[in-house]
N, C-alpha and C. Protein backbone atom coordinates (compact mmCIF):
# COMPACT_ATOMS: atom_id res chain seq x y z
N UNK A 1 8.97 -21.20 -46.31
CA UNK A 1 9.71 -20.72 -45.19
C UNK A 1 9.24 -19.33 -44.78
N UNK A 2 8.81 -18.53 -45.74
CA UNK A 2 8.34 -17.19 -45.42
C UNK A 2 7.06 -17.24 -44.60
N UNK A 3 6.22 -18.25 -44.86
CA UNK A 3 4.97 -18.38 -44.11
C UNK A 3 5.26 -18.70 -42.65
N UNK A 4 6.18 -19.61 -42.44
CA UNK A 4 6.53 -20.01 -41.08
C UNK A 4 7.14 -18.83 -40.32
N UNK A 5 8.03 -18.12 -40.95
CA UNK A 5 8.65 -16.99 -40.27
C UNK A 5 7.62 -15.89 -40.01
N UNK A 6 6.64 -15.75 -40.92
CA UNK A 6 5.58 -14.77 -40.71
C UNK A 6 4.71 -15.15 -39.53
N UNK A 7 4.36 -16.43 -39.44
CA UNK A 7 3.55 -16.90 -38.31
C UNK A 7 4.32 -16.73 -37.00
N UNK A 8 5.59 -17.09 -37.01
CA UNK A 8 6.42 -16.94 -35.82
C UNK A 8 6.51 -15.47 -35.42
N UNK A 9 6.65 -14.61 -36.39
CA UNK A 9 6.74 -13.18 -36.10
C UNK A 9 5.42 -12.66 -35.52
N UNK A 10 4.29 -13.08 -36.08
CA UNK A 10 2.99 -12.65 -35.58
C UNK A 10 2.79 -13.14 -34.15
N UNK A 11 3.14 -14.41 -33.92
CA UNK A 11 2.99 -14.94 -32.56
C UNK A 11 3.92 -14.24 -31.59
N UNK A 12 5.13 -13.99 -32.03
CA UNK A 12 6.10 -13.33 -31.16
C UNK A 12 5.74 -11.89 -30.87
N UNK A 13 5.21 -11.20 -31.84
CA UNK A 13 4.89 -9.78 -31.67
C UNK A 13 3.50 -9.56 -31.08
N UNK A 14 2.62 -10.51 -31.20
CA UNK A 14 1.25 -10.30 -30.75
C UNK A 14 0.82 -11.20 -29.62
N UNK A 15 0.92 -12.49 -29.84
CA UNK A 15 0.37 -13.44 -28.88
C UNK A 15 1.15 -13.45 -27.57
N UNK A 16 2.46 -13.53 -27.64
CA UNK A 16 3.25 -13.66 -26.43
C UNK A 16 3.06 -12.48 -25.48
N UNK A 17 3.16 -11.24 -25.93
CA UNK A 17 2.94 -10.13 -25.00
C UNK A 17 1.53 -10.11 -24.42
N UNK A 18 0.54 -10.47 -25.21
CA UNK A 18 -0.84 -10.51 -24.73
C UNK A 18 -0.99 -11.61 -23.69
N UNK A 19 -0.40 -12.77 -23.96
CA UNK A 19 -0.47 -13.88 -23.02
C UNK A 19 0.23 -13.53 -21.71
N UNK A 20 1.37 -12.89 -21.79
CA UNK A 20 2.10 -12.50 -20.58
C UNK A 20 1.30 -11.48 -19.79
N UNK A 21 0.71 -10.50 -20.47
CA UNK A 21 -0.12 -9.51 -19.78
C UNK A 21 -1.31 -10.17 -19.10
N UNK A 22 -1.94 -11.12 -19.77
CA UNK A 22 -3.06 -11.85 -19.18
C UNK A 22 -2.63 -12.63 -17.95
N UNK A 23 -1.50 -13.31 -18.06
CA UNK A 23 -0.99 -14.06 -16.92
C UNK A 23 -0.67 -13.14 -15.76
N UNK A 24 -0.01 -12.03 -16.02
CA UNK A 24 0.35 -11.09 -14.96
C UNK A 24 -0.89 -10.48 -14.31
N UNK A 25 -1.92 -10.20 -15.09
CA UNK A 25 -3.17 -9.69 -14.53
C UNK A 25 -3.77 -10.71 -13.57
N UNK A 26 -3.82 -11.97 -13.99
CA UNK A 26 -4.36 -13.04 -13.15
C UNK A 26 -3.52 -13.19 -11.88
N UNK A 27 -2.19 -13.14 -12.01
CA UNK A 27 -1.29 -13.31 -10.88
C UNK A 27 -1.49 -12.19 -9.86
N UNK A 28 -1.57 -10.96 -10.32
CA UNK A 28 -1.75 -9.83 -9.41
C UNK A 28 -3.12 -9.92 -8.73
N UNK A 29 -4.15 -10.30 -9.48
CA UNK A 29 -5.48 -10.45 -8.91
C UNK A 29 -5.47 -11.51 -7.81
N UNK A 30 -4.83 -12.63 -8.05
CA UNK A 30 -4.75 -13.73 -7.09
C UNK A 30 -3.99 -13.29 -5.84
N UNK A 31 -2.86 -12.63 -6.04
CA UNK A 31 -2.06 -12.17 -4.90
C UNK A 31 -2.82 -11.12 -4.09
N UNK A 32 -3.58 -10.26 -4.76
CA UNK A 32 -4.37 -9.26 -4.06
C UNK A 32 -5.42 -9.92 -3.18
N UNK A 33 -6.05 -10.96 -3.69
CA UNK A 33 -7.04 -11.70 -2.89
C UNK A 33 -6.39 -12.34 -1.67
N UNK A 34 -5.22 -12.94 -1.86
CA UNK A 34 -4.51 -13.56 -0.74
C UNK A 34 -4.09 -12.50 0.28
N UNK A 35 -3.67 -11.36 -0.21
CA UNK A 35 -3.24 -10.28 0.68
C UNK A 35 -4.40 -9.78 1.53
N UNK A 36 -5.58 -9.68 0.93
CA UNK A 36 -6.76 -9.25 1.69
C UNK A 36 -7.08 -10.23 2.81
N UNK A 37 -6.96 -11.51 2.53
CA UNK A 37 -7.20 -12.53 3.56
C UNK A 37 -6.16 -12.42 4.68
N UNK A 38 -4.90 -12.22 4.31
CA UNK A 38 -3.85 -12.09 5.31
C UNK A 38 -4.09 -10.87 6.19
N UNK A 39 -4.47 -9.77 5.59
CA UNK A 39 -4.71 -8.54 6.34
C UNK A 39 -5.87 -8.72 7.30
N UNK A 40 -6.91 -9.44 6.87
CA UNK A 40 -8.05 -9.70 7.74
C UNK A 40 -7.62 -10.50 8.97
N UNK A 41 -6.80 -11.52 8.74
CA UNK A 41 -6.31 -12.33 9.86
C UNK A 41 -5.41 -11.50 10.78
N UNK A 42 -4.55 -10.68 10.21
CA UNK A 42 -3.69 -9.83 11.03
C UNK A 42 -4.50 -8.84 11.85
N UNK A 43 -5.55 -8.29 11.25
CA UNK A 43 -6.40 -7.35 11.98
C UNK A 43 -7.05 -8.04 13.18
N UNK A 44 -7.51 -9.29 12.99
CA UNK A 44 -8.11 -10.03 14.10
C UNK A 44 -7.09 -10.24 15.22
N UNK A 45 -5.87 -10.58 14.85
CA UNK A 45 -4.80 -10.79 15.83
C UNK A 45 -4.49 -9.51 16.59
N UNK A 46 -4.37 -8.43 15.86
CA UNK A 46 -4.05 -7.15 16.49
C UNK A 46 -5.18 -6.72 17.43
N UNK A 47 -6.42 -6.91 17.01
CA UNK A 47 -7.56 -6.56 17.87
C UNK A 47 -7.55 -7.40 19.15
N UNK A 48 -7.25 -8.69 19.02
CA UNK A 48 -7.18 -9.56 20.19
C UNK A 48 -6.06 -9.13 21.13
N UNK A 49 -4.92 -8.80 20.57
CA UNK A 49 -3.79 -8.33 21.40
C UNK A 49 -4.13 -7.01 22.08
N UNK A 50 -4.82 -6.14 21.38
CA UNK A 50 -5.20 -4.85 21.96
C UNK A 50 -6.15 -5.06 23.14
N UNK A 51 -7.13 -5.94 22.99
CA UNK A 51 -8.05 -6.23 24.10
C UNK A 51 -7.31 -6.83 25.29
N UNK A 52 -6.38 -7.75 25.01
CA UNK A 52 -5.62 -8.37 26.10
C UNK A 52 -4.77 -7.34 26.83
N UNK A 53 -4.11 -6.47 26.10
CA UNK A 53 -3.30 -5.44 26.72
C UNK A 53 -4.16 -4.47 27.52
N UNK A 54 -5.32 -4.14 27.01
CA UNK A 54 -6.20 -3.23 27.73
C UNK A 54 -6.67 -3.85 29.04
N UNK A 55 -7.00 -5.15 29.00
CA UNK A 55 -7.40 -5.83 30.24
C UNK A 55 -6.24 -5.85 31.24
N UNK A 56 -5.02 -6.07 30.73
CA UNK A 56 -3.85 -6.08 31.59
C UNK A 56 -3.63 -4.72 32.24
N UNK A 57 -3.73 -3.66 31.45
CA UNK A 57 -3.57 -2.31 31.98
C UNK A 57 -4.66 -2.01 33.01
N UNK A 58 -5.89 -2.39 32.71
CA UNK A 58 -6.99 -2.16 33.66
C UNK A 58 -6.72 -2.89 34.97
N UNK A 59 -6.25 -4.14 34.86
CA UNK A 59 -5.94 -4.93 36.06
C UNK A 59 -4.81 -4.29 36.85
N UNK A 60 -3.79 -3.80 36.17
CA UNK A 60 -2.66 -3.15 36.85
C UNK A 60 -3.10 -1.86 37.55
N UNK A 61 -4.02 -1.13 36.94
CA UNK A 61 -4.51 0.11 37.56
C UNK A 61 -5.32 -0.19 38.81
N UNK A 62 -6.14 -1.24 38.75
CA UNK A 62 -6.93 -1.62 39.91
C UNK A 62 -6.01 -2.08 41.03
N UNK A 63 -5.01 -2.89 40.71
CA UNK A 63 -4.07 -3.38 41.70
C UNK A 63 -3.25 -2.23 42.30
N UNK A 64 -2.89 -1.28 41.49
CA UNK A 64 -2.09 -0.14 41.95
C UNK A 64 -2.90 0.74 42.91
N UNK A 65 -4.18 0.88 42.66
CA UNK A 65 -5.03 1.74 43.47
C UNK A 65 -5.47 1.09 44.78
N UNK A 66 -5.24 -0.20 44.93
CA UNK A 66 -5.67 -0.88 46.17
C UNK A 66 -4.74 -0.67 47.29
């Protein structure tokens, strides 16, 4: 019984925290990659909206000056 409790204690004190840290590292790395992709897509959208608004403003200025 002492051997089993020793093994359980070693696993509980060593393996589990290491496994959780490894999992959390992987999870954060994965989320960071997804976040970079999302930001890239948002940047493209914002750039497209900026160009559209600029064309609209240019058109309104031309129409106003006529």
